[in-house]
Amino acid sequence: MGSRVRVFVYGTLREGEANAYLLKEAVKLGDSCLVSGYILYDLGAYPAAIASHSGESLLGEVYQINESILRDLDWLEEYPVEYDRVEIETSYGKAWIYLYNQSVAGLPVIGHGDWCHRKRKIPA
């Protein structure tokens, strides 16, 4: 069966989003998982997360995946060209996350950290 790892997804891989089909053979461990220390940016068709010390959080889902799915995700995320794959701690244990490794200068921030509700305004 091969080795299994966990992945935290926060954008187009989330349930109901454009690339969720890549996780159809994965085991969903949980949704509404929050990880602190990351800022989410809107690149238009997909999001970009980067590490931050400013206290923002990302909302996402955690899946258990096999090596074949991990290779598919690496291809989608253009790892290591556009995204780095970094291990983080989640409420479900250690998981991979894809972090954007390009400039985010001038990109809109999704302040509430939830890609699926990116059009939602944050009250002032």
Protein backbone atom coordinates (compact mmCIF):
# COMPACT_ATOMS: atom_id res chain seq x y z
CA MET A 1 0.00 0.00 0.00
CA GLY A 2 2.93 2.34 0.54
CA SER A 3 3.59 4.95 3.12
CA ARG A 4 0.90 7.43 4.09
CA VAL A 5 1.34 11.05 5.13
CA ARG A 6 -0.97 13.91 6.01
CA VAL A 7 -1.47 17.11 4.05
CA PHE A 8 -3.13 20.37 5.09
CA VAL A 9 -4.98 22.01 2.18
CA TYR A 10 -6.33 25.56 2.22
CA GLY A 11 -7.28 26.43 -1.37
CA THR A 12 -8.41 24.74 -4.57
CA LEU A 13 -7.84 21.27 -3.07
CA ARG A 14 -10.53 21.82 -0.41
CA GLU A 15 -13.83 20.01 -0.69
CA GLY A 16 -16.05 21.61 -3.33
CA GLU A 17 -13.17 23.49 -4.95
CA ALA A 18 -11.71 23.04 -8.46
CA ASN A 19 -8.92 20.57 -7.64
CA ALA A 20 -10.61 18.56 -4.87
CA TYR A 21 -10.86 15.63 -7.30
CA LEU A 22 -7.15 14.97 -6.69
CA LEU A 23 -8.04 13.95 -3.13
CA LYS A 24 -10.93 11.59 -3.99
CA GLU A 25 -8.86 8.56 -2.86
CA ALA A 26 -7.56 10.33 0.27
CA VAL A 27 -8.94 9.95 3.78
CA LYS A 28 -10.31 13.23 5.12
CA LEU A 29 -9.29 13.53 8.76
CA GLY A 30 -10.99 16.83 9.44
CA ASP A 31 -12.20 20.14 8.13
CA SER A 32 -12.35 23.54 9.75
CA CYS A 33 -8.78 22.96 10.84
CA LEU A 34 -7.06 26.21 11.78
CA VAL A 35 -3.29 26.71 11.65
CA SER A 36 -1.71 29.89 12.99
CA GLY A 37 1.21 31.86 11.67
CA TYR A 38 0.29 32.15 7.98
CA ILE A 39 -1.12 34.86 5.71
CA LEU A 40 -3.33 33.97 2.74
CA TYR A 41 -3.08 35.90 -0.54
CA ASP A 42 -5.44 35.89 -3.52
CA LEU A 43 -3.66 35.12 -6.80
CA GLY A 44 -6.92 35.08 -8.73
CA ALA A 45 -7.48 31.44 -9.69
CA TYR A 46 -5.83 30.06 -6.55
CA PRO A 47 -4.42 31.20 -3.21
CA ALA A 48 -0.93 31.54 -1.82
CA ALA A 49 0.01 31.15 1.83
CA ILE A 50 3.24 32.35 3.38
CA ALA A 51 4.58 32.08 6.92
CA SER A 52 4.01 35.14 9.11
CA HIS A 53 4.66 36.29 12.64
CA SER A 54 1.67 38.63 12.66
CA GLY A 55 -0.89 36.21 14.10
CA GLU A 56 -3.04 35.39 11.05
CA SER A 57 -4.42 31.88 10.57
CA LEU A 58 -5.43 29.63 7.67
CA LEU A 59 -8.59 27.58 7.59
CA GLY A 60 -8.29 24.27 5.80
CA GLU A 61 -8.72 20.52 5.76
CA VAL A 62 -6.38 17.68 6.68
CA TYR A 63 -6.16 14.51 4.60
CA GLN A 64 -4.21 11.29 4.89
CA ILE A 65 -2.69 10.53 1.49
CA ASN A 66 -0.42 7.99 -0.19
CA GLU A 67 2.79 8.66 -2.13
CA SER A 68 0.97 8.66 -5.47
CA ILE A 69 -1.39 11.44 -4.36
CA LEU A 70 1.55 13.37 -2.90
CA ARG A 71 3.27 13.24 -6.32
CA ASP A 72 0.06 14.54 -7.95
CA LEU A 73 -0.12 17.40 -5.44
CA ASP A 74 3.56 18.24 -5.99
CA TRP A 75 2.80 18.48 -9.72
CA LEU A 76 -0.28 20.69 -9.17
CA GLU A 77 1.54 23.01 -6.78
CA GLU A 78 4.58 23.19 -9.07
CA TYR A 79 6.77 22.08 -6.18
CA PRO A 80 9.52 23.23 -5.73
CA VAL A 81 9.33 25.95 -8.42
CA GLU A 82 6.29 27.96 -7.21
CA TYR A 83 5.57 26.37 -3.83
CA ASP A 84 7.66 24.78 -1.10
CA ARG A 85 6.34 21.77 0.80
CA VAL A 86 6.85 22.28 4.55
CA GLU A 87 5.88 20.11 7.51
CA ILE A 88 3.63 21.78 10.09
CA GLU A 89 1.82 20.71 13.24
CA THR A 90 -1.99 20.44 13.04
CA SER A 91 -4.63 19.17 15.44
CA TYR A 92 -4.34 15.86 13.52
CA GLY A 93 -0.56 15.62 13.85
CA LYS A 94 2.22 16.62 11.48
CA ALA A 95 1.13 17.41 7.93
CA TRP A 96 2.60 18.86 4.75
CA ILE A 97 1.53 22.31 3.63
CA TYR A 98 2.41 24.06 0.37
CA LEU A 99 3.77 27.57 0.94
CA TYR A 100 4.21 30.10 -1.86
CA ASN A 101 7.87 30.92 -2.57
CA GLN A 102 7.38 33.89 -4.92
CA SER A 103 6.88 37.60 -4.20
CA VAL A 104 3.50 38.58 -2.74
CA ALA A 105 4.09 42.33 -3.15
CA GLY A 106 0.87 44.05 -4.17
CA LEU A 107 -1.30 40.93 -3.92
CA PRO A 108 -4.63 41.16 -2.06
CA VAL A 109 -4.68 39.57 1.40
CA ILE A 110 -7.54 37.28 2.43
CA GLY A 111 -7.54 38.51 6.02
CA HIS A 112 -9.90 35.90 7.44
CA GLY A 113 -7.73 33.09 6.02
CA ASP A 114 -10.56 31.15 4.34
CA TRP A 115 -10.17 30.70 0.57
CA CYS A 116 -13.67 29.22 0.22
CA HIS A 117 -15.15 32.47 1.53
CA ARG A 118 -12.68 34.85 -0.11
CA LYS A 119 -15.41 37.24 -1.26
CA ARG A 120 -16.63 37.69 2.34
CA LYS A 121 -15.81 41.09 3.77
CA ILE A 122 -14.30 41.46 7.21
CA PRO A 123 -16.19 43.95 9.41
CA ALA A 124 -14.15 47.06 10.16
